[in-house]
Amino acid sequence: VADAFDAITSPRAYREARSPQQALEI
């Protein structure tokens, strides 16, 4: 869960970072 939250809220070469709230919803 911790790994997923950080991955979602961090930028990647192929996408922008999501907000913490978006990560929580996912």
PDB file of all heavy atoms in Angstrom:
ATOM      1  N   VAL A   1       0.837  -1.204   0.000  1.00  0.00           N
ATOM      2  CA  VAL A   1       0.000   0.000   0.000  1.00  0.00           C
ATOM      3  C   VAL A   1       0.871   1.253   0.000  1.00  0.00           C
ATOM      4  O   VAL A   1       0.606   2.211  -0.735  1.00  0.00           O
ATOM      5  CB  VAL A   1      -0.953  -0.016   1.211  1.00  0.00           C
ATOM      6  CG1 VAL A   1      -1.636   1.334   1.377  1.00  0.00           C
ATOM      7  CG2 VAL A   1      -2.000  -1.115   1.038  1.00  0.00           C
ATOM      8  N   ALA A   2       1.923   1.242   0.821  1.00  0.00           N
ATOM      9  CA  ALA A   2       2.823   2.395   0.868  1.00  0.00           C
ATOM     10  C   ALA A   2       3.509   2.606  -0.475  1.00  0.00           C
ATOM     11  O   ALA A   2       3.651   3.740  -0.952  1.00  0.00           O
ATOM     12  CB  ALA A   2       3.868   2.194   1.972  1.00  0.00           C
ATOM     13  N   ASP A   3       3.924   1.505  -1.108  1.00  0.00           N
ATOM     14  CA  ASP A   3       4.588   1.587  -2.404  1.00  0.00           C
ATOM     15  C   ASP A   3       3.634   2.121  -3.465  1.00  0.00           C
ATOM     16  O   ASP A   3       4.011   2.966  -4.294  1.00  0.00           O
ATOM     17  CB  ASP A   3       5.091   0.193  -2.793  1.00  0.00           C
ATOM     18  CG  ASP A   3       5.845   0.189  -4.110  1.00  0.00           C
ATOM     19  OD1 ASP A   3       6.990   0.684  -4.139  1.00  0.00           O
ATOM     20  OD2 ASP A   3       5.299  -0.310  -5.107  1.00  0.00           O
ATOM     21  N   ALA A   4       2.397   1.670  -3.446  1.00  0.00           N
ATOM     22  CA  ALA A   4       1.409   2.119  -4.427  1.00  0.00           C
ATOM     23  C   ALA A   4       1.105   3.604  -4.263  1.00  0.00           C
ATOM     24  O   ALA A   4       1.030   4.348  -5.247  1.00  0.00           O
ATOM     25  CB  ALA A   4       0.127   1.301  -4.284  1.00  0.00           C
ATOM     26  N   PHE A   5       0.947   4.045  -3.012  1.00  0.00           N
ATOM     27  CA  PHE A   5       0.635   5.457  -2.772  1.00  0.00           C
ATOM     28  C   PHE A   5       1.749   6.346  -3.300  1.00  0.00           C
ATOM     29  O   PHE A   5       1.487   7.358  -3.962  1.00  0.00           O
ATOM     30  CB  PHE A   5       0.422   5.706  -1.276  1.00  0.00           C
ATOM     31  CG  PHE A   5       0.053   7.130  -0.953  1.00  0.00           C
ATOM     32  CD1 PHE A   5      -1.272   7.549  -1.021  1.00  0.00           C
ATOM     33  CD2 PHE A   5       1.018   8.058  -0.604  1.00  0.00           C
ATOM     34  CE1 PHE A   5      -1.626   8.865  -0.740  1.00  0.00           C
ATOM     35  CE2 PHE A   5       0.685   9.374  -0.321  1.00  0.00           C
ATOM     36  CZ  PHE A   5      -0.643   9.774  -0.391  1.00  0.00           C
ATOM     37  N   ASP A   6       2.998   5.968  -3.027  1.00  0.00           N
ATOM     38  CA  ASP A   6       4.108   6.800  -3.496  1.00  0.00           C
ATOM     39  C   ASP A   6       4.225   6.760  -5.013  1.00  0.00           C
ATOM     40  O   ASP A   6       4.523   7.781  -5.644  1.00  0.00           O
ATOM     41  CB  ASP A   6       5.428   6.340  -2.860  1.00  0.00           C
ATOM     42  CG  ASP A   6       6.571   7.283  -3.175  1.00  0.00           C
ATOM     43  OD1 ASP A   6       6.602   8.394  -2.585  1.00  0.00           O
ATOM     44  OD2 ASP A   6       7.406   6.941  -4.022  1.00  0.00           O
ATOM     45  N   ALA A   7       4.001   5.590  -5.607  1.00  0.00           N
ATOM     46  CA  ALA A   7       4.092   5.478  -7.068  1.00  0.00           C
ATOM     47  C   ALA A   7       3.038   6.347  -7.754  1.00  0.00           C
ATOM     48  O   ALA A   7       3.321   7.019  -8.752  1.00  0.00           O
ATOM     49  CB  ALA A   7       3.927   4.026  -7.492  1.00  0.00           C
ATOM     50  N   ILE A   8       1.826   6.358  -7.202  1.00  0.00           N
ATOM     51  CA  ILE A   8       0.733   7.122  -7.815  1.00  0.00           C
ATOM     52  C   ILE A   8       0.975   8.631  -7.677  1.00  0.00           C
ATOM     53  O   ILE A   8       0.680   9.402  -8.589  1.00  0.00           O
ATOM     54  CB  ILE A   8      -0.613   6.731  -7.180  1.00  0.00           C
ATOM     55  CG1 ILE A   8      -0.929   5.263  -7.497  1.00  0.00           C
ATOM     56  CG2 ILE A   8      -1.737   7.632  -7.693  1.00  0.00           C
ATOM     57  CD1 ILE A   8      -2.112   4.720  -6.718  1.00  0.00           C
ATOM     58  N   THR A   9       1.522   9.044  -6.550  1.00  0.00           N
ATOM     59  CA  THR A   9       1.706  10.477  -6.291  1.00  0.00           C
ATOM     60  C   THR A   9       3.045  11.005  -6.786  1.00  0.00           C
ATOM     61  O   THR A   9       3.368  12.174  -6.575  1.00  0.00           O
ATOM     62  CB  THR A   9       1.583  10.768  -4.787  1.00  0.00           C
ATOM     63  OG1 THR A   9       2.525   9.961  -4.053  1.00  0.00           O
ATOM     64  CG2 THR A   9       0.182  10.494  -4.287  1.00  0.00           C
ATOM     65  N   SER A  10       3.839  10.165  -7.433  1.00  0.00           N
ATOM     66  CA  SER A  10       5.137  10.593  -7.980  1.00  0.00           C
ATOM     67  C   SER A  10       5.050  10.687  -9.490  1.00  0.00           C
ATOM     68  O   SER A  10       4.391   9.871 -10.136  1.00  0.00           O
ATOM     69  CB  SER A  10       6.235   9.587  -7.595  1.00  0.00           C
ATOM     70  OG  SER A  10       6.391   9.522  -6.193  1.00  0.00           O
ATOM     71  N   PRO A  11       5.730  11.673 -10.088  1.00  0.00           N
ATOM     72  CA  PRO A  11       5.722  11.778 -11.559  1.00  0.00           C
ATOM     73  C   PRO A  11       6.520  10.648 -12.177  1.00  0.00           C
ATOM     74  O   PRO A  11       7.466  10.126 -11.584  1.00  0.00           O
ATOM     75  CB  PRO A  11       6.387  13.138 -11.809  1.00  0.00           C
ATOM     76  CG  PRO A  11       7.278  13.345 -10.613  1.00  0.00           C
ATOM     77  CD  PRO A  11       6.537  12.731  -9.456  1.00  0.00           C
ATOM     78  N   ARG A  12       6.143  10.246 -13.345  1.00  0.00           N
ATOM     79  CA  ARG A  12       6.867   9.244 -14.104  1.00  0.00           C
ATOM     80  C   ARG A  12       7.146   9.808 -15.503  1.00  0.00           C
ATOM     81  O   ARG A  12       6.531  10.787 -15.928  1.00  0.00           O
ATOM     82  CB  ARG A  12       6.039   7.951 -14.215  1.00  0.00           C
ATOM     83  CG  ARG A  12       5.891   7.207 -12.900  1.00  0.00           C
ATOM     84  CD  ARG A  12       7.223   6.623 -12.458  1.00  0.00           C
ATOM     85  NE  ARG A  12       7.103   5.817 -11.240  1.00  0.00           N
ATOM     86  CZ  ARG A  12       7.330   6.276 -10.026  1.00  0.00           C
ATOM     87  NH1 ARG A  12       7.673   7.557  -9.859  1.00  0.00           N
ATOM     88  NH2 ARG A  12       7.229   5.487  -8.979  1.00  0.00           N
ATOM     89  N   ALA A  13       8.057   9.158 -16.206  1.00  0.00           N
ATOM     90  CA  ALA A  13       8.406   9.647 -17.543  1.00  0.00           C
ATOM     91  C   ALA A  13       7.204   9.631 -18.472  1.00  0.00           C
ATOM     92  O   ALA A  13       7.123  10.418 -19.412  1.00  0.00           O
ATOM     93  CB  ALA A  13       9.535   8.791 -18.117  1.00  0.00           C
ATOM     94  N   TYR A  14       6.240   8.745 -18.193  1.00  0.00           N
ATOM     95  CA  TYR A  14       5.092   8.580 -19.096  1.00  0.00           C
ATOM     96  C   TYR A  14       3.803   9.211 -18.571  1.00  0.00           C
ATOM     97  O   TYR A  14       2.772   9.146 -19.242  1.00  0.00           O
ATOM     98  CB  TYR A  14       4.862   7.089 -19.349  1.00  0.00           C
ATOM     99  CG  TYR A  14       4.725   6.266 -18.087  1.00  0.00           C
ATOM    100  CD1 TYR A  14       3.486   6.100 -17.483  1.00  0.00           C
ATOM    101  CD2 TYR A  14       5.837   5.687 -17.496  1.00  0.00           C
ATOM    102  CE1 TYR A  14       3.349   5.359 -16.320  1.00  0.00           C
ATOM    103  CE2 TYR A  14       5.715   4.938 -16.325  1.00  0.00           C
ATOM    104  CZ  TYR A  14       4.470   4.774 -15.748  1.00  0.00           C
ATOM    105  OH  TYR A  14       4.359   4.050 -14.585  1.00  0.00           O
ATOM    106  N   ARG A  15       3.844   9.849 -17.373  1.00  0.00           N
ATOM    107  CA  ARG A  15       2.616  10.479 -16.865  1.00  0.00           C
ATOM    108  C   ARG A  15       2.961  11.479 -15.761  1.00  0.00           C
ATOM    109  O   ARG A  15       4.042  11.441 -15.159  1.00  0.00           O
ATOM    110  CB  ARG A  15       1.644   9.428 -16.306  1.00  0.00           C
ATOM    111  CG  ARG A  15       2.177   8.691 -15.107  1.00  0.00           C
ATOM    112  CD  ARG A  15       1.069   8.036 -14.317  1.00  0.00           C
ATOM    113  NE  ARG A  15       1.586   7.180 -13.264  1.00  0.00           N
ATOM    114  CZ  ARG A  15       2.018   7.617 -12.077  1.00  0.00           C
ATOM    115  NH1 ARG A  15       2.019   8.923 -11.811  1.00  0.00           N
ATOM    116  NH2 ARG A  15       2.463   6.765 -11.167  1.00  0.00           N
ATOM    117  N   GLU A  16       2.009  12.355 -15.483  1.00  0.00           N
ATOM    118  CA  GLU A  16       2.146  13.310 -14.395  1.00  0.00           C
ATOM    119  C   GLU A  16       1.791  12.643 -13.069  1.00  0.00           C
ATOM    120  O   GLU A  16       1.091  11.620 -13.036  1.00  0.00           O
ATOM    121  CB  GLU A  16       1.220  14.509 -14.617  1.00  0.00           C
ATOM    122  CG  GLU A  16       1.552  15.341 -15.849  1.00  0.00           C
ATOM    123  CD  GLU A  16       2.879  16.051 -15.717  1.00  0.00           C
ATOM    124  OE1 GLU A  16       3.230  16.420 -14.579  1.00  0.00           O
ATOM    125  OE2 GLU A  16       3.570  16.219 -16.745  1.00  0.00           O
ATOM    126  N   ALA A  17       2.228  13.242 -11.989  1.00  0.00           N
ATOM    127  CA  ALA A  17       1.891  12.730 -10.661  1.00  0.00           C
ATOM    128  C   ALA A  17       0.411  12.979 -10.375  1.00  0.00           C
ATOM    129  O   ALA A  17      -0.156  13.994 -10.788  1.00  0.00           O
ATOM    130  CB  ALA A  17       2.754  13.404  -9.604  1.00  0.00           C
ATOM    131  N   ARG A  18      -0.220  12.058  -9.674  1.00  0.00           N
ATOM    132  CA  ARG A  18      -1.604  12.259  -9.209  1.00  0.00           C
ATOM    133  C   ARG A  18      -1.556  12.928  -7.835  1.00  0.00           C
ATOM    134  O   ARG A  18      -0.566  12.830  -7.101  1.00  0.00           O
ATOM    135  CB  ARG A  18      -2.325  10.919  -9.103  1.00  0.00           C
ATOM    136  CG  ARG A  18      -2.258  10.068 -10.361  1.00  0.00           C
ATOM    137  CD  ARG A  18      -3.190  10.551 -11.447  1.00  0.00           C
ATOM    138  NE  ARG A  18      -3.166   9.652 -12.593  1.00  0.00           N
ATOM    139  CZ  ARG A  18      -3.952   8.592 -12.732  1.00  0.00           C
ATOM    140  NH1 ARG A  18      -4.811   8.267 -11.766  1.00  0.00           N
ATOM    141  NH2 ARG A  18      -3.874   7.843 -13.815  1.00  0.00           N
ATOM    142  N   SER A  19      -2.632  13.536  -7.455  1.00  0.00           N
ATOM    143  CA  SER A  19      -2.703  14.168  -6.145  1.00  0.00           C
ATOM    144  C   SER A  19      -2.868  13.102  -5.059  1.00  0.00           C
ATOM    145  O   SER A  19      -3.325  11.978  -5.350  1.00  0.00           O
ATOM    146  CB  SER A  19      -3.886  15.133  -6.086  1.00  0.00           C
ATOM    147  OG  SER A  19      -5.116  14.401  -6.091  1.00  0.00           O
ATOM    148  N   PRO A  20      -2.510  13.428  -3.810  1.00  0.00           N
ATOM    149  CA  PRO A  20      -2.725  12.466  -2.729  1.00  0.00           C
ATOM    150  C   PRO A  20      -4.167  12.002  -2.626  1.00  0.00           C
ATOM    151  O   PRO A  20      -4.442  10.831  -2.362  1.00  0.00           O
ATOM    152  CB  PRO A  20      -2.288  13.241  -1.479  1.00  0.00           C
ATOM    153  CG  PRO A  20      -1.268  14.208  -1.984  1.00  0.00           C
ATOM    154  CD  PRO A  20      -1.780  14.623  -3.346  1.00  0.00           C
ATOM    155  N   GLN A  21      -5.117  12.913  -2.840  1.00  0.00           N
ATOM    156  CA  GLN A  21      -6.520  12.541  -2.764  1.00  0.00           C
ATOM    157  C   GLN A  21      -6.898  11.568  -3.872  1.00  0.00           C
ATOM    158  O   GLN A  21      -7.646  10.610  -3.656  1.00  0.00           O
ATOM    159  CB  GLN A  21      -7.412  13.789  -2.852  1.00  0.00           C
ATOM    160  CG  GLN A  21      -8.878  13.517  -2.566  1.00  0.00           C
ATOM    161  CD  GLN A  21      -9.104  12.875  -1.208  1.00  0.00           C
ATOM    162  OE1 GLN A  21      -8.485  13.262  -0.208  1.00  0.00           O
ATOM    163  NE2 GLN A  21      -9.995  11.875  -1.149  1.00  0.00           N
ATOM    164  N   GLN A  22      -6.371  11.803  -5.077  1.00  0.00           N
ATOM    165  CA  GLN A  22      -6.625  10.871  -6.171  1.00  0.00           C
ATOM    166  C   GLN A  22      -6.034   9.497  -5.866  1.00  0.00           C
ATOM    167  O   GLN A  22      -6.652   8.465  -6.149  1.00  0.00           O
ATOM    168  CB  GLN A  22      -6.019  11.420  -7.469  1.00  0.00           C
ATOM    169  CG  GLN A  22      -6.765  12.605  -8.053  1.00  0.00           C
ATOM    170  CD  GLN A  22      -6.051  13.173  -9.266  1.00  0.00           C
ATOM    171  OE1 GLN A  22      -4.833  13.382  -9.258  1.00  0.00           O
ATOM    172  NE2 GLN A  22      -6.807  13.446 -10.328  1.00  0.00           N
ATOM    173  N   ALA A  23      -4.835   9.503  -5.278  1.00  0.00           N
ATOM    174  CA  ALA A  23      -4.195   8.234  -4.915  1.00  0.00           C
ATOM    175  C   ALA A  23      -5.032   7.475  -3.900  1.00  0.00           C
ATOM    176  O   ALA A  23      -5.206   6.251  -4.004  1.00  0.00           O
ATOM    177  CB  ALA A  23      -2.797   8.488  -4.359  1.00  0.00           C
ATOM    178  N   LEU A  24      -5.566   8.196  -2.913  1.00  0.00           N
ATOM    179  CA  LEU A  24      -6.401   7.542  -1.901  1.00  0.00           C
ATOM    180  C   LEU A  24      -7.649   6.938  -2.531  1.00  0.00           C
ATOM    181  O   LEU A  24      -8.068   5.837  -2.145  1.00  0.00           O
ATOM    182  CB  LEU A  24      -6.788   8.548  -0.814  1.00  0.00           C
ATOM    183  CG  LEU A  24      -5.659   9.035   0.099  1.00  0.00           C
ATOM    184  CD1 LEU A  24      -6.181  10.067   1.088  1.00  0.00           C
ATOM    185  CD2 LEU A  24      -5.026   7.871   0.845  1.00  0.00           C
ATOM    186  N   GLU A  25      -8.238   7.629  -3.491  1.00  0.00           N
ATOM    187  CA  GLU A  25      -9.440   7.105  -4.149  1.00  0.00           C
ATOM    188  C   GLU A  25      -9.116   5.850  -4.963  1.00  0.00           C
ATOM    189  O   GLU A  25      -9.879   4.877  -4.969  1.00  0.00           O
ATOM    190  CB  GLU A  25     -10.045   8.181  -5.053  1.00  0.00           C
ATOM    191  CG  GLU A  25     -10.668   9.346  -4.306  1.00  0.00           C
ATOM    192  CD  GLU A  25     -11.758   8.892  -3.348  1.00  0.00           C
ATOM    193  OE1 GLU A  25     -12.531   7.971  -3.707  1.00  0.00           O
ATOM    194  OE2 GLU A  25     -11.846   9.445  -2.241  1.00  0.00           O
ATOM    195  N   ILE A  26      -7.969   5.858  -5.649  1.00  0.00           N
ATOM    196  CA  ILE A  26      -7.564   4.692  -6.438  1.00  0.00           C
ATOM    197  C   ILE A  26      -7.330   3.487  -5.535  1.00  0.00           C
ATOM    198  O   ILE A  26      -7.780   2.373  -5.814  1.00  0.00           O
ATOM    199  CB  ILE A  26      -6.291   5.019  -7.246  1.00  0.00           C
ATOM    200  CG1 ILE A  26      -6.604   6.047  -8.337  1.00  0.00           C
ATOM    201  CG2 ILE A  26      -5.708   3.741  -7.861  1.00  0.00           C
ATOM    202  CD1 ILE A  26      -5.381   6.577  -9.048  1.00  0.00           C
TER     203      ILE A  26
END
